[in-house]
PDB file of N, CA and C in Angstrom:
ATOM      1  N   UNK A   1      24.423 132.161-106.808  1.00  0.00           N
ATOM      2  CA  UNK A   1      23.281 131.514-106.202  1.00  0.00           C
ATOM      3  C   UNK A   1      22.730 130.431-107.122  1.00  0.00           C
ATOM      4  N   UNK A   2      22.648 130.733-108.398  1.00  0.00           N
ATOM      5  CA  UNK A   2      22.150 129.777-109.385  1.00  0.00           C
ATOM      6  C   UNK A   2      23.109 128.599-109.471  1.00  0.00           C
ATOM      7  N   UNK A   3      24.397 128.886-109.436  1.00  0.00           N
ATOM      8  CA  UNK A   3      25.389 127.809-109.492  1.00  0.00           C
ATOM      9  C   UNK A   3      25.266 126.897-108.276  1.00  0.00           C
ATOM     10  N   UNK A   4      25.020 127.502-107.145  1.00  0.00           N
ATOM     11  CA  UNK A   4      24.864 126.704-105.923  1.00  0.00           C
ATOM     12  C   UNK A   4      23.630 125.811-106.015  1.00  0.00           C
ATOM     13  N   UNK A   5      22.531 126.350-106.575  1.00  0.00           N
ATOM     14  CA  UNK A   5      21.301 125.557-106.734  1.00  0.00           C
ATOM     15  C   UNK A   5      21.537 124.407-107.713  1.00  0.00           C
ATOM     16  N   UNK A   6      22.262 124.700-108.804  1.00  0.00           N
ATOM     17  CA  UNK A   6      22.565 123.642-109.777  1.00  0.00           C
ATOM     18  C   UNK A   6      23.431 122.554-109.141  1.00  0.00           C
ATOM     19  N   UNK A   7      24.370 122.974-108.321  1.00  0.00           N
ATOM     20  CA  UNK A   7      25.240 122.032-107.633  1.00  0.00           C
ATOM     21  C   UNK A   7      24.412 121.152-106.690  1.00  0.00           C
ATOM     22  N   UNK A   8      23.490 121.766-105.974  1.00  0.00           N
ATOM     23  CA  UNK A   8      22.612 121.026-105.057  1.00  0.00           C
ATOM     24  C   UNK A   8      21.740 120.045-105.848  1.00  0.00           C
ATOM     25  N   UNK A   9      21.199 120.506-106.980  1.00  0.00           N
ATOM     26  CA  UNK A   9      20.358 119.651-107.829  1.00  0.00           C
ATOM     27  C   UNK A   9      21.184 118.469-108.344  1.00  0.00           C
ATOM     28  N   UNK A  10      22.416 118.724-108.774  1.00  0.00           N
ATOM     29  CA  UNK A  10      23.293 117.643-109.247  1.00  0.00           C
ATOM     30  C   UNK A  10      23.557 116.631-108.130  1.00  0.00           C
ATOM     31  N   UNK A  11      23.831 117.142-106.951  1.00  0.00           N
ATOM     32  CA  UNK A  11      24.085 116.257-105.813  1.00  0.00           C
ATOM     33  C   UNK A  11      22.836 115.440-105.475  1.00  0.00           C
ATOM     34  N   UNK A  12      21.663 116.091-105.527  1.00  0.00           N
ATOM     35  CA  UNK A  12      20.406 115.373-105.264  1.00  0.00           C
ATOM     36  C   UNK A  12      20.158 114.293-106.323  1.00  0.00           C
ATOM     37  N   UNK A  13      20.487 114.583-107.572  1.00  0.00           N
ATOM     38  CA  UNK A  13      20.329 113.592-108.633  1.00  0.00           C
ATOM     39  C   UNK A  13      21.277 112.409-108.408  1.00  0.00           C
ATOM     40  N   UNK A  14      22.476 112.698-107.952  1.00  0.00           N
ATOM     41  CA  UNK A  14      23.426 111.626-107.639  1.00  0.00           C
ATOM     42  C   UNK A  14      22.894 110.761-106.485  1.00  0.00           C
ATOM     43  N   UNK A  15      22.359 111.434-105.488  1.00  0.00           N
ATOM     44  CA  UNK A  15      21.769 110.712-104.350  1.00  0.00           C
ATOM     45  C   UNK A  15      20.603 109.858-104.835  1.00  0.00           C
ATOM     46  N   UNK A  16      19.784 110.416-105.741  1.00  0.00           N
ATOM     47  CA  UNK A  16      18.638 109.679-106.283  1.00  0.00           C
ATOM     48  C   UNK A  16      19.116 108.422-107.028  1.00  0.00           C
ATOM     49  N   UNK A  17      20.194 108.543-107.797  1.00  0.00           N
ATOM     50  CA  UNK A  17      20.744 107.393-108.510  1.00  0.00           C
ATOM     51  C   UNK A  17      21.198 106.314-107.525  1.00  0.00           C
ATOM     52  N   UNK A  18      21.870 106.748-106.471  1.00  0.00           N
ATOM     53  CA  UNK A  18      22.342 105.793-105.461  1.00  0.00           C
ATOM     54  C   UNK A  18      21.152 105.106-104.788  1.00  0.00           C
ATOM     55  N   UNK A  19      20.119 105.890-104.464  1.00  0.00           N
ATOM     56  CA  UNK A  19      18.915 105.322-103.847  1.00  0.00           C
ATOM     57  C   UNK A  19      18.261 104.322-104.804  1.00  0.00           C
ATOM     58  N   UNK A  20      18.185 104.652-106.094  1.00  0.00           N
ATOM     59  CA  UNK A  20      17.623 103.733-107.089  1.00  0.00           C
ATOM     60  C   UNK A  20      18.436 102.432-107.155  1.00  0.00           C
ATOM     61  N   UNK A  21      19.752 102.564-107.134  1.00  0.00           N
ATOM     62  CA  UNK A  21      20.609 101.374-107.157  1.00  0.00           C
ATOM     63  C   UNK A  21      20.378 100.511-105.913  1.00  0.00           C
ATOM     64  N   UNK A  22      20.259 101.174-104.774  1.00  0.00           N
ATOM     65  CA  UNK A  22      19.998 100.448-103.521  1.00  0.00           C
ATOM     66  C   UNK A  22      18.652  99.728-103.599  1.00  0.00           C
ATOM     67  N   UNK A  23      17.637 100.411-104.139  1.00  0.00           N
ATOM     68  CA  UNK A  23      16.313  99.787-104.285  1.00  0.00           C
ATOM     69  C   UNK A  23      16.367  98.581-105.227  1.00  0.00           C
ATOM     70  N   UNK A  24      17.092  98.726-106.339  1.00  0.00           N
ATOM     71  CA  UNK A  24      17.224  97.605-107.278  1.00  0.00           C
ATOM     72  C   UNK A  24      17.921  96.423-106.608  1.00  0.00           C
ATOM     73  N   UNK A  25      18.978  96.729-105.865  1.00  0.00           N
ATOM     74  CA  UNK A  25      19.694  95.677-105.148  1.00  0.00           C
ATOM     75  C   UNK A  25      18.787  95.012-104.108  1.00  0.00           C
ATOM     76  N   UNK A  26      18.030  95.825-103.384  1.00  0.00           N
ATOM     77  CA  UNK A  26      17.109  95.286-102.373  1.00  0.00           C
ATOM     78  C   UNK A  26      16.052  94.401-103.026  1.00  0.00           C
ATOM     79  N   UNK A  27      15.506  94.841-104.163  1.00  0.00           N
ATOM     80  CA  UNK A  27      14.505  94.031-104.874  1.00  0.00           C
ATOM     81  C   UNK A  27      15.110  92.716-105.368  1.00  0.00           C
ATOM     82  N   UNK A  28      16.327  92.813-105.874  1.00  0.00           N
ATOM     83  CA  UNK A  28      17.009  91.611-106.346  1.00  0.00           C
ATOM     84  C   UNK A  28      17.248  90.633-105.192  1.00  0.00           C
ATOM     85  N   UNK A  29      17.674  91.147-104.065  1.00  0.00           N
ATOM     86  CA  UNK A  29      17.903  90.308-102.885  1.00  0.00           C
ATOM     87  C   UNK A  29      16.588  89.705-102.392  1.00  0.00           C
ATOM     88  N   UNK A  30      15.533  90.487-102.417  1.00  0.00           N
ATOM     89  CA  UNK A  30      14.217  90.002-101.987  1.00  0.00           C
ATOM     90  C   UNK A  30      13.771  88.844-102.864  1.00  0.00           C
ATOM     91  N   UNK A  31      13.922  89.005-104.196  1.00  0.00           N
ATOM     92  CA  UNK A  31      13.555  87.927-105.123  1.00  0.00           C
ATOM     93  C   UNK A  31      14.393  86.670-104.854  1.00  0.00           C
ATOM     94  N   UNK A  32      15.677  86.866-104.633  1.00  0.00           N
ATOM     95  CA  UNK A  32      16.561  85.723-104.362  1.00  0.00           C
ATOM     96  C   UNK A  32      16.148  85.019-103.070  1.00  0.00           C
ATOM     97  N   UNK A  33      15.819  85.802-102.043  1.00  0.00           N
ATOM     98  CA  UNK A  33      15.377  85.211-100.774  1.00  0.00           C
ATOM     99  C   UNK A  33      14.054  84.464-100.945  1.00  0.00           C
ATOM    100  N   UNK A  34      13.144  85.045-101.724  1.00  0.00           N
ATOM    101  CA  UNK A  34      11.867  84.367-101.979  1.00  0.00           C
ATOM    102  C   UNK A  34      12.087  83.056-102.728  1.00  0.00           C
ATOM    103  N   UNK A  35      12.987  83.074-103.707  1.00  0.00           N
ATOM    104  CA  UNK A  35      13.301  81.848-104.445  1.00  0.00           C
ATOM    105  C   UNK A  35      13.889  80.786-103.514  1.00  0.00           C
ATOM    106  N   UNK A  36      14.808  81.206-102.660  1.00  0.00           N
ATOM    107  CA  UNK A  36      15.410  80.268-101.712  1.00  0.00           C
ATOM    108  C   UNK A  36      14.356  79.722-100.754  1.00  0.00           C
ATOM    109  N   UNK A  37      13.469  80.591-100.291  1.00  0.00           N
ATOM    110  CA  UNK A  37      12.409  80.154 -99.376  1.00  0.00           C
ATOM    111  C   UNK A  37      11.477  79.162-100.064  1.00  0.00           C
ATOM    112  N   UNK A  38      11.173  79.405-101.332  1.00  0.00           N
ATOM    113  CA  UNK A  38      10.311  78.493-102.086  1.00  0.00           C
ATOM    114  C   UNK A  38      10.969  77.116-102.218  1.00  0.00           C
ATOM    115  N   UNK A  39      12.255  77.109-102.558  1.00  0.00           N
ATOM    116  CA  UNK A  39      12.982  75.842-102.698  1.00  0.00           C
ATOM    117  C   UNK A  39      12.999  75.095-101.365  1.00  0.00           C
ATOM    118  N   UNK A  40      13.266  75.805-100.291  1.00  0.00           N
ATOM    119  CA  UNK A  40      13.292  75.180 -98.961  1.00  0.00           C
ATOM    120  C   UNK A  40      11.910  74.654 -98.579  1.00  0.00           C
ATOM    121  N   UNK A  41      10.879  75.425 -98.884  1.00  0.00           N
ATOM    122  CA  UNK A  41       9.509  74.984 -98.586  1.00  0.00           C
ATOM    123  C   UNK A  41       9.173  73.718 -99.365  1.00  0.00           C
ATOM    124  N   UNK A  42       9.593  73.639-100.615  1.00  0.00           N
ATOM    125  CA  UNK A  42       9.355  72.437-101.427  1.00  0.00           C
ATOM    126  C   UNK A  42      10.079  71.226-100.835  1.00  0.00           C
ATOM    127  N   UNK A  43      11.324  71.434-100.381  1.00  0.00           N
ATOM    128  CA  UNK A  43      12.076  70.338 -99.762  1.00  0.00           C
ATOM    129  C   UNK A  43      11.349  69.837 -98.519  1.00  0.00           C
ATOM    130  N   UNK A  44      10.913  70.767 -97.697  1.00  0.00           N
ATOM    131  CA  UNK A  44      10.208  70.378 -96.465  1.00  0.00           C
ATOM    132  C   UNK A  44       8.886  69.694 -96.782  1.00  0.00           C
ATOM    133  N   UNK A  45       8.203  70.205 -97.803  1.00  0.00           N
ATOM    134  CA  UNK A  45       6.935  69.594 -98.224  1.00  0.00           C
ATOM    135  C   UNK A  45       7.166  68.147 -98.644  1.00  0.00           C
ATOM    136  N   UNK A  46       8.212  67.918 -99.443  1.00  0.00           N
ATOM    137  CA  UNK A  46       8.520  66.558 -99.891  1.00  0.00           C
ATOM    138  C   UNK A  46       8.875  65.660 -98.708  1.00  0.00           C
ATOM    139  N   UNK A  47       9.627  66.201 -97.758  1.00  0.00           N
ATOM    140  CA  UNK A  47       9.995  65.412 -96.579  1.00  0.00           C
ATOM    141  C   UNK A  47       8.750  65.028 -95.781  1.00  0.00           C
ATOM    142  N   UNK A  48       7.839  65.977 -95.615  1.00  0.00           N
ATOM    143  CA  UNK A  48       6.599  65.697 -94.885  1.00  0.00           C
ATOM    144  C   UNK A  48       5.766  64.668 -95.636  1.00  0.00           C
ATOM    145  N   UNK A  49       5.683  64.799 -96.958  1.00  0.00           N
ATOM    146  CA  UNK A  49       4.924  63.828 -97.753  1.00  0.00           C
ATOM    147  C   UNK A  49       5.524  62.428 -97.639  1.00  0.00           C
ATOM    148  N   UNK A  50       6.837  62.339 -97.685  1.00  0.00           N
ATOM    149  CA  UNK A  50       7.494  61.036 -97.549  1.00  0.00           C
ATOM    150  C   UNK A  50       7.220  60.436 -96.175  1.00  0.00           C
ATOM    151  N   UNK A  51       7.308  61.272 -95.146  1.00  0.00           N
ATOM    152  CA  UNK A  51       7.036  60.800 -93.791  1.00  0.00           C
ATOM    153  C   UNK A  51       5.586  60.338 -93.668  1.00  0.00           C
ATOM    154  N   UNK A  52       4.676  61.089 -94.273  1.00  0.00           N
ATOM    155  CA  UNK A  52       3.263  60.733 -94.225  1.00  0.00           C
ATOM    156  C   UNK A  52       3.025  59.408 -94.950  1.00  0.00           C
ATOM    157  N   UNK A  53       3.662  59.222 -96.103  1.00  0.00           N
ATOM    158  CA  UNK A  53       3.510  57.955 -96.842  1.00  0.00           C
ATOM    159  C   UNK A  53       4.041  56.784 -96.020  1.00  0.00           C
ATOM    160  N   UNK A  54       5.180  56.978 -95.373  1.00  0.00           N
ATOM    161  CA  UNK A  54       5.749  55.915 -94.539  1.00  0.00           C
ATOM    162  C   UNK A  54       4.808  55.594 -93.380  1.00  0.00           C
ATOM    163  N   UNK A  55       4.268  56.622 -92.752  1.00  0.00           N
ATOM    164  CA  UNK A  55       3.333  56.429 -91.646  1.00  0.00           C
ATOM    165  C   UNK A  55       2.090  55.698 -92.137  1.00  0.00           C
ATOM    166  N   UNK A  56       1.588  56.110 -93.292  1.00  0.00           N
ATOM    167  CA  UNK A  56       0.395  55.479 -93.869  1.00  0.00           C
ATOM    168  C   UNK A  56       0.677  54.006 -94.176  1.00  0.00           C
ATOM    169  N   UNK A  57       1.845  53.721 -94.698  1.00  0.00           N
ATOM    170  CA  UNK A  57       2.214  52.342 -95.009  1.00  0.00           C
ATOM    171  C   UNK A  57       2.297  51.505 -93.735  1.00  0.00           C
ATOM    172  N   UNK A  58       2.911  52.059 -92.683  1.00  0.00           N
ATOM    173  CA  UNK A  58       2.995  51.335 -91.409  1.00  0.00           C
ATOM    174  C   UNK A  58       1.608  51.077 -90.846  1.00  0.00           C
ATOM    175  N   UNK A  59       0.760  52.094 -90.902  1.00  0.00           N
ATOM    176  CA  UNK A  59      -0.601  51.949 -90.391  1.00  0.00           C
ATOM    177  C   UNK A  59      -1.354  50.887 -91.180  1.00  0.00           C
ATOM    178  N   UNK A  60      -1.207  50.902 -92.506  1.00  0.00           N
ATOM    179  CA  UNK A  60      -1.859  49.898 -93.358  1.00  0.00           C
ATOM    180  C   UNK A  60      -1.368  48.499 -92.987  1.00  0.00           C
ATOM    181  N   UNK A  61      -0.049  48.353 -92.829  1.00  0.00           N
ATOM    182  CA  UNK A  61       0.513  47.051 -92.460  1.00  0.00           C
ATOM    183  C   UNK A  61      -0.029  46.575 -91.113  1.00  0.00           C
ATOM    184  N   UNK A  62      -0.148  47.491 -90.153  1.00  0.00           N
ATOM    185  CA  UNK A  62      -0.701  47.131 -88.846  1.00  0.00           C
ATOM    186  C   UNK A  62      -2.143  46.661 -88.973  1.00  0.00           C
ATOM    187  N   UNK A  63      -2.934  47.391 -89.755  1.00  0.00           N
ATOM    188  CA  UNK A  63      -4.344  47.027 -89.924  1.00  0.00           C
ATOM    189  C   UNK A  63      -4.485  45.690 -90.647  1.00  0.00           C
ATOM    190  N   UNK A  64      -3.642  45.452 -91.653  1.00  0.00           N
ATOM    191  CA  UNK A  64      -3.672  44.163 -92.352  1.00  0.00           C
ATOM    192  C   UNK A  64      -3.300  43.050 -91.375  1.00  0.00           C
ATOM    193  N   UNK A  65      -2.304  43.290 -90.548  1.00  0.00           N
ATOM    194  CA  UNK A  65      -1.900  42.302 -89.544  1.00  0.00           C
ATOM    195  C   UNK A  65      -3.035  41.987 -88.579  1.00  0.00           C
ATOM    196  N   UNK A  66      -3.731  43.029 -88.126  1.00  0.00           N
ATOM    197  CA  UNK A  66      -4.868  42.822 -87.218  1.00  0.00           C
ATOM    198  C   UNK A  66      -5.969  42.026 -87.909  1.00  0.00           C
ATOM    199  N   UNK A  67      -6.244  42.359 -89.166  1.00  0.00           N
ATOM    200  CA  UNK A  67      -7.288  41.647 -89.913  1.00  0.00           C
ATOM    201  C   UNK A  67      -6.897  40.183 -90.115  1.00  0.00           C
ATOM    202  N   UNK A  68      -5.630  39.937 -90.425  1.00  0.00           N
ATOM    203  CA  UNK A  68      -5.175  38.558 -90.603  1.00  0.00           C
ATOM    204  C   UNK A  68      -5.286  37.780 -89.300  1.00  0.00           C
ATOM    205  N   UNK A  69      -4.921  38.408 -88.193  1.00  0.00           N
ATOM    206  CA  UNK A  69      -5.026  37.756 -86.883  1.00  0.00           C
ATOM    207  C   UNK A  69      -6.484  37.438 -86.565  1.00  0.00           C
ATOM    208  N   UNK A  70      -7.374  38.389 -86.837  1.00  0.00           N
ATOM    209  CA  UNK A  70      -8.802  38.156 -86.599  1.00  0.00           C
ATOM    210  C   UNK A  70      -9.306  37.010 -87.475  1.00  0.00           C
ATOM    211  N   UNK A  71      -8.848  36.955 -88.723  1.00  0.00           N
ATOM    212  CA  UNK A  71      -9.255  35.870 -89.622  1.00  0.00           C
ATOM    213  C   UNK A  71      -8.762  34.525 -89.095  1.00  0.00           C
ATOM    214  N   UNK A  72      -7.533  34.488 -88.584  1.00  0.00           N
ATOM    215  CA  UNK A  72      -7.008  33.239 -88.016  1.00  0.00           C
ATOM    216  C   UNK A  72      -7.822  32.813 -86.798  1.00  0.00           C
ATOM    217  N   UNK A  73      -8.186  33.782 -85.959  1.00  0.00           N
ATOM    218  CA  UNK A  73      -8.999  33.460 -84.781  1.00  0.00           C
ATOM    219  C   UNK A  73     -10.363  32.916 -85.192  1.00  0.00           C
ATOM    220  N   UNK A  74     -10.976  33.560 -86.187  1.00  0.00           N
ATOM    221  CA  UNK A  74     -12.285  33.095 -86.668  1.00  0.00           C
ATOM    222  C   UNK A  74     -12.152  31.697 -87.264  1.00  0.00           C
ATOM    223  N   UNK A  75     -11.102  31.482 -88.036  1.00  0.00           N
ATOM    224  CA  UNK A  75     -10.882  30.174 -88.644  1.00  0.00           C
ATOM    225  C   UNK A  75     -10.658  29.116 -87.562  1.00  0.00           C
ATOM    226  N   UNK A  76      -9.854  29.445 -86.558  1.00  0.00           N
ATOM    227  CA  UNK A  76      -9.598  28.496 -85.473  1.00  0.00           C
ATOM    228  C   UNK A  76     -10.894  28.167 -84.738  1.00  0.00           C
ATOM    229  N   UNK A  77     -11.710  29.166 -84.500  1.00  0.00           N
ATOM    230  CA  UNK A  77     -12.985  28.932 -83.825  1.00  0.00           C
ATOM    231  C   UNK A  77     -13.883  28.060 -84.695  1.00  0.00           C
ATOM    232  N   UNK A  78     -13.875  28.314 -86.010  1.00  0.00           N
ATOM    233  CA  UNK A  78     -14.670  27.498 -86.933  1.00  0.00           C
ATOM    234  C   UNK A  78     -14.209  26.050 -86.925  1.00  0.00           C
ATOM    235  N   UNK A  79     -12.897  25.830 -86.934  1.00  0.00           N
ATOM    236  CA  UNK A  79     -12.352  24.470 -86.888  1.00  0.00           C
ATOM    237  C   UNK A  79     -12.762  23.805 -85.582  1.00  0.00           C
ATOM    238  N   UNK A  80     -12.691  24.536 -84.489  1.00  0.00           N
ATOM    239  CA  UNK A  80     -13.092  23.996 -83.187  1.00  0.00           C
ATOM    240  C   UNK A  80     -14.566  23.593 -83.211  1.00  0.00           C
ATOM    241  N   UNK A  81     -15.409  24.463 -83.766  1.00  0.00           N
ATOM    242  CA  UNK A  81     -16.844  24.167 -83.829  1.00  0.00           C
ATOM    243  C   UNK A  81     -17.111  22.953 -84.713  1.00  0.00           C
ATOM    244  N   UNK A  82     -16.399  22.843 -85.835  1.00  0.00           N
ATOM    245  CA  UNK A  82     -16.570  21.688 -86.727  1.00  0.00           C
ATOM    246  C   UNK A  82     -16.173  20.412 -85.996  1.00  0.00           C
ATOM    247  N   UNK A  83     -15.062  20.462 -85.290  1.00  0.00           N
ATOM    248  CA  UNK A  83     -14.625  19.289 -84.524  1.00  0.00           C
ATOM    249  C   UNK A  83     -15.648  18.921 -83.449  1.00  0.00           C
ATOM    250  N   UNK A  84     -16.204  19.920 -82.824  1.00  0.00           N
ATOM    251  CA  UNK A  84     -17.216  19.688 -81.790  1.00  0.00           C
ATOM    252  C   UNK A  84     -18.438  18.989 -82.397  1.00  0.00           C
ATOM    253  N   UNK A  85     -18.888  19.473 -83.551  1.00  0.00           N
ATOM    254  CA  UNK A  85     -20.038  18.865 -84.232  1.00  0.00           C
ATOM    255  C   UNK A  85     -19.683  17.449 -84.678  1.00  0.00           C
ATOM    256  N   UNK A  86     -18.480  17.256 -85.188  1.00  0.00           N
ATOM    257  CA  UNK A  86     -18.043  15.932 -85.640  1.00  0.00           C
ATOM    258  C   UNK A  86     -18.026  14.939 -84.467  1.00  0.00           C
ATOM    259  N   UNK A  87     -17.511  15.378 -83.311  1.00  0.00           N
ATOM    260  CA  UNK A  87     -17.493  14.511 -82.127  1.00  0.00           C
ATOM    261  C   UNK A  87     -18.908  14.149 -81.688  1.00  0.00           C
ATOM    262  N   UNK A  88     -19.775  15.144 -81.719  1.00  0.00           N
ATOM    263  CA  UNK A  88     -21.175  14.891 -81.333  1.00  0.00           C
ATOM    264  C   UNK A  88     -21.829  13.927 -82.318  1.00  0.00           C
ATOM    265  N   UNK A  89     -21.525  14.098 -83.609  1.00  0.00           N
ATOM    266  CA  UNK A  89     -22.081  13.185 -84.613  1.00  0.00           C
ATOM    267  C   UNK A  89     -21.580  11.764 -84.375  1.00  0.00           C
ATOM    268  N   UNK A  90     -20.298  11.636 -84.023  1.00  0.00           N
ATOM    269  CA  UNK A  90     -19.754  10.313 -83.717  1.00  0.00           C
ATOM    270  C   UNK A  90     -20.446   9.714 -82.498  1.00  0.00           C
ATOM    271  N   UNK A  91     -20.792  10.547 -81.536  1.00  0.00           N
ATOM    272  CA  UNK A  91     -21.472  10.062 -80.333  1.00  0.00           C
ATOM    273  C   UNK A  91     -22.884   9.565 -80.647  1.00  0.00           C
ATOM    274  N   UNK A  92     -23.598  10.288 -81.503  1.00  0.00           N
ATOM    275  CA  UNK A  92     -24.994   9.923 -81.778  1.00  0.00           C
ATOM    276  C   UNK A  92     -25.114   8.939 -82.939  1.00  0.00           C
ATOM    277  N   UNK A  93     -24.028   8.664 -83.638  1.00  0.00           N
ATOM    278  CA  UNK A  93     -24.075   7.752 -84.785  1.00  0.00           C
ATOM    279  C   UNK A  93     -24.595   6.363 -84.398  1.00  0.00           C
ATOM    280  N   UNK A  94     -24.084   5.765 -83.335  1.00  0.00           N
ATOM    281  CA  UNK A  94     -24.617   4.439 -82.977  1.00  0.00           C
ATOM    282  C   UNK A  94     -26.116   4.479 -82.659  1.00  0.00           C
ATOM    283  N   UNK A  95     -26.536   5.544 -81.978  1.00  0.00           N
ATOM    284  CA  UNK A  95     -27.965   5.670 -81.650  1.00  0.00           C
ATOM    285  C   UNK A  95     -28.784   5.831 -82.925  1.00  0.00           C
ATOM    286  N   UNK A  96     -28.263   6.647 -83.877  1.00  0.00           N
ATOM    287  CA  UNK A  96     -28.979   6.857 -85.132  1.00  0.00           C
ATOM    288  C   UNK A  96     -29.047   5.562 -85.933  1.00  0.00           C
ATOM    289  N   UNK A  97     -27.937   4.818 -85.974  1.00  0.00           N
ATOM    290  CA  UNK A  97     -27.935   3.545 -86.688  1.00  0.00           C
ATOM    291  C   UNK A  97     -28.932   2.572 -86.067  1.00  0.00           C
ATOM    292  N   UNK A  98     -28.959   2.556 -84.753  1.00  0.00           N
ATOM    293  CA  UNK A  98     -29.910   1.682 -84.049  1.00  0.00           C
ATOM    294  C   UNK A  98     -31.331   2.090 -84.354  1.00  0.00           C
ATOM    295  N   UNK A  99     -31.603   3.391 -84.368  1.00  0.00           N
ATOM    296  CA  UNK A  99     -32.946   3.889 -84.662  1.00  0.00           C
ATOM    297  C   UNK A  99     -33.351   3.526 -86.086  1.00  0.00           C
ATOM    298  N   UNK A 100     -32.443   3.678 -87.041  1.00  0.00           N
ATOM    299  CA  UNK A 100     -32.735   3.327 -88.433  1.00  0.00           C
ATOM    300  C   UNK A 100     -32.989   1.820 -88.542  1.00  0.00           C
ATOM    301  N   UNK A 101     -32.156   1.006 -87.879  1.00  0.00           N
ATOM    302  CA  UNK A 101     -32.319  -0.442 -87.917  1.00  0.00           C
ATOM    303  C   UNK A 101     -33.671  -0.846 -87.346  1.00  0.00           C
ATOM    304  N   UNK A 102     -34.042  -0.259 -86.205  1.00  0.00           N
ATOM    305  CA  UNK A 102     -35.331  -0.592 -85.584  1.00  0.00           C
ATOM    306  C   UNK A 102     -36.489  -0.149 -86.471  1.00  0.00           C
ATOM    307  N   UNK A 103     -36.312   1.037 -87.108  1.00  0.00           N
ATOM    308  CA  UNK A 103     -37.367   1.541 -87.983  1.00  0.00           C
ATOM    309  C   UNK A 103     -37.537   0.606 -89.170  1.00  0.00           C
ATOM    310  N   UNK A 104     -36.445   0.187 -89.768  1.00  0.00           N
ATOM    311  CA  UNK A 104     -36.518  -0.723 -90.913  1.00  0.00           C
ATOM    312  C   UNK A 104     -37.098  -2.076 -90.505  1.00  0.00           C
ATOM    313  N   UNK A 105     -36.709  -2.554 -89.361  1.00  0.00           N
ATOM    314  CA  UNK A 105     -37.255  -3.825 -88.879  1.00  0.00           C
ATOM    315  C   UNK A 105     -38.733  -3.687 -88.549  1.00  0.00           C
ATOM    316  N   UNK A 106     -39.093  -2.519 -88.010  1.00  0.00           N
ATOM    317  CA  UNK A 106     -40.498  -2.269 -87.670  1.00  0.00           C
ATOM    318  C   UNK A 106     -41.355  -2.201 -88.908  1.00  0.00           C
ATOM    319  N   UNK A 107     -40.830  -1.619 -89.987  1.00  0.00           N
ATOM    320  CA  UNK A 107     -41.590  -1.513 -91.232  1.00  0.00           C
ATOM    321  C   UNK A 107     -41.733  -2.902 -91.847  1.00  0.00           C
ATOM    322  N   UNK A 108     -40.731  -3.728 -91.780  1.00  0.00           N
ATOM    323  CA  UNK A 108     -40.753  -5.054 -92.373  1.00  0.00           C
ATOM    324  C   UNK A 108     -41.633  -6.004 -91.569  1.00  0.00           C
ATOM    325  N   UNK A 109     -41.659  -5.780 -90.319  1.00  0.00           N
ATOM    326  CA  UNK A 109     -42.298  -6.750 -89.453  1.00  0.00           C
ATOM    327  C   UNK A 109     -43.730  -6.570 -89.290  1.00  0.00           C
TER     328      UNK A 109
END
């Protein structure tokens, strides 16, 4: 009976060793999977960051383009207004010269 119990205990110890080995292997595999997942997550993170930078650059370029277009429109409107004032000045120049001439003649006379 004692021999049978010792045999059972030996077999249980062998089973315990196998279970320990399985646990060590499982832990090792878990660590390896976590490492692989971390590396993959970093790759995806970098890809997303690159995509975001490209999107940000495109958006910036679009906004700069819009601002440049608005500046050109404002400049064109300013040139138009200057030309309008210049034309009006040319129209009233003879009248102004006549008024100055009459004023000077009136003061002298």
